[in-house]
C-alpha atoms as a PDB file:
ATOM      1  CA  ASP A   1      -2.051  13.656  -4.315  1.00  0.00           C
ATOM      2  CA  ASN A   2      -2.255   9.785  -2.288  1.00  0.00           C
ATOM      3  CA  SER A   3      -5.485   8.653  -2.202  1.00  0.00           C
ATOM      4  CA  LEU A   4      -6.456   4.643  -1.220  1.00  0.00           C
ATOM      5  CA  TYR A   5      -9.881   3.587  -2.035  1.00  0.00           C
ATOM      6  CA  PRO A   6     -12.418   2.348  -1.273  1.00  0.00           C
ATOM      7  CA  ASN A   7     -12.116   2.554   2.708  1.00  0.00           C
ATOM      8  CA  PRO A   8     -12.147   0.421   4.514  1.00  0.00           C
ATOM      9  CA  VAL A   9     -11.916  -2.185   1.817  1.00  0.00           C
ATOM     10  CA  SER A  10     -13.876  -5.159   0.480  1.00  0.00           C
ATOM     11  CA  ASP A  11     -11.166  -7.077  -1.954  1.00  0.00           C
ATOM     12  CA  ILE A  12      -9.578  -5.108  -4.104  1.00  0.00           C
ATOM     13  CA  LEU A  13      -7.357  -2.222  -2.974  1.00  0.00           C
ATOM     14  CA  ASN A  14      -6.752   0.846  -5.129  1.00  0.00           C
ATOM     15  CA  LEU A  15      -3.634   2.636  -4.550  1.00  0.00           C
ATOM     16  CA  THR A  16      -3.250   6.615  -6.289  1.00  0.00           C
ATOM     17  CA  PHE A  17       0.366   8.253  -4.820  1.00  0.00           C
ATOM     18  CA  TYR A  18       3.416  10.226  -6.523  1.00  0.00           C
ATOM     19  CA  LEU A  19       7.189   9.669  -6.739  1.00  0.00           C
ATOM     20  CA  SER A  20      10.167  12.189  -7.420  1.00  0.00           C
ATOM     21  CA  ALA A  21      11.796   9.367  -8.792  1.00  0.00           C
ATOM     22  CA  GLU A  22      11.624   5.869  -9.987  1.00  0.00           C
ATOM     23  CA  THR A  23      12.889   3.803  -7.203  1.00  0.00           C
ATOM     24  CA  GLN A  24      11.721   0.454  -5.430  1.00  0.00           C
ATOM     25  CA  VAL A  25       8.812   0.160  -3.794  1.00  0.00           C
ATOM     26  CA  SER A  26       7.278  -2.760  -0.863  1.00  0.00           C
ATOM     27  CA  PHE A  27       4.134  -2.690  -0.296  1.00  0.00           C
ATOM     28  CA  GLN A  28       2.852  -4.126   3.182  1.00  0.00           C
ATOM     29  CA  VAL A  29      -0.397  -4.622   5.182  1.00  0.00           C
ATOM     30  CA  TYR A  30      -0.454  -4.916   9.298  1.00  0.00           C
ATOM     31  CA  ASP A  31      -3.672  -6.062  11.407  1.00  0.00           C
ATOM     32  CA  VAL A  32      -4.352  -2.724  14.462  1.00  0.00           C
ATOM     33  CA  LEU A  33      -2.302  -5.316  16.271  1.00  0.00           C
ATOM     34  CA  GLY A  34       1.442  -4.626  14.430  1.00  0.00           C
ATOM     35  CA  LYS A  35       1.774  -8.270  12.985  1.00  0.00           C
ATOM     36  CA  LEU A  36       2.718  -8.159   9.311  1.00  0.00           C
ATOM     37  CA  VAL A  37      -0.219  -9.753   7.753  1.00  0.00           C
ATOM     38  CA  THR A  38       0.610  -9.722   3.853  1.00  0.00           C
ATOM     39  CA  VAL A  39       3.391  -8.087   1.505  1.00  0.00           C
ATOM     40  CA  LEU A  40       1.296  -6.925  -1.260  1.00  0.00           C
ATOM     41  CA  GLY A  41       4.314  -6.051  -3.907  1.00  0.00           C
ATOM     42  CA  ASN A  42       7.920  -5.115  -4.447  1.00  0.00           C
ATOM     43  CA  GLN A  43       8.568  -3.636  -7.229  1.00  0.00           C
ATOM     44  CA  THR A  44      10.123  -0.639  -8.781  1.00  0.00           C
ATOM     45  CA  VAL A  45       7.371   2.016  -9.819  1.00  0.00           C
ATOM     46  CA  PHE A  46       8.190   5.021 -12.004  1.00  0.00           C
ATOM     47  CA  LYS A  47       8.488   8.578 -11.196  1.00  0.00           C
ATOM     48  CA  GLY A  48       5.512  11.048 -11.472  1.00  0.00           C
ATOM     49  CA  THR A  49       1.962   9.959 -10.147  1.00  0.00           C
ATOM     50  CA  ASN A  50       0.674   6.004 -10.092  1.00  0.00           C
ATOM     51  CA  GLN A  51      -2.213   4.276 -10.246  1.00  0.00           C
ATOM     52  CA  LEU A  52      -2.044   0.554  -8.383  1.00  0.00           C
ATOM     53  CA  VAL A  53      -4.988  -2.156  -7.809  1.00  0.00           C
ATOM     54  CA  PHE A  54      -4.114  -4.749  -5.493  1.00  0.00           C
ATOM     55  CA  SER A  55      -6.219  -7.737  -3.672  1.00  0.00           C
ATOM     56  CA  VAL A  56      -6.431  -7.799  -0.590  1.00  0.00           C
ATOM     57  CA  LEU A  57      -8.462 -11.072  -0.570  1.00  0.00           C
ATOM     58  CA  PRO A  58      -7.921 -13.472   2.186  1.00  0.00           C
ATOM     59  CA  LEU A  59      -7.612 -10.948   4.163  1.00  0.00           C
ATOM     60  CA  GLU A  60     -10.629 -11.322   7.035  1.00  0.00           C
ATOM     61  CA  GLN A  61     -13.058  -7.837   7.839  1.00  0.00           C
ATOM     62  CA  GLY A  62     -11.078  -5.436  10.487  1.00  0.00           C
ATOM     63  CA  LYS A  63      -8.720  -2.416  10.353  1.00  0.00           C
ATOM     64  CA  TYR A  64      -5.717  -2.824   8.452  1.00  0.00           C
ATOM     65  CA  SER A  65      -2.875  -0.636   7.726  1.00  0.00           C
ATOM     66  CA  ILE A  66      -0.441  -0.160   4.017  1.00  0.00           C
ATOM     67  CA  VAL A  67       2.666   0.682   4.898  1.00  0.00           C
ATOM     68  CA  VAL A  68       4.439   2.422   1.779  1.00  0.00           C
ATOM     69  CA  SER A  69       7.977   2.101   1.942  1.00  0.00           C
ATOM     70  CA  ASP A  70      10.888   2.724  -0.968  1.00  0.00           C
ATOM     71  CA  ALA A  71      14.421   2.106  -1.217  1.00  0.00           C
ATOM     72  CA  ASP A  72      15.440   6.004   0.075  1.00  0.00           C
ATOM     73  CA  GLY A  73      14.176   4.596   3.728  1.00  0.00           C
ATOM     74  CA  ASN A  74      10.366   6.974   2.708  1.00  0.00           C
ATOM     75  CA  VAL A  75       8.141   5.371   4.723  1.00  0.00           C
ATOM     76  CA  VAL A  76       3.716   6.646   4.309  1.00  0.00           C
ATOM     77  CA  VAL A  77       1.006   4.438   6.416  1.00  0.00           C
ATOM     78  CA  LYS A  78      -2.313   4.617   5.330  1.00  0.00           C
ATOM     79  CA  ASN A  79      -5.546   2.850   6.878  1.00  0.00           C
ATOM     80  CA  ILE A  80      -7.717  -0.209   5.302  1.00  0.00           C
END
């Protein structure tokens, strides 16, 4: 199960997701124009359900997308 809350995000972002294998994962935030705003992290994530918490300050109020991509080229996009 993949979830992202709160939505819209204010200062803390909670991301829950499942991986079928341990892999390197990148977490990037883009604005509505597709411009990379920040990289939240680049880390090895374990097989199974993972819950990560990120501080997203100092993002200006607005709409963003978080792009989660793994070493195998799988990509998930969530709006925040």
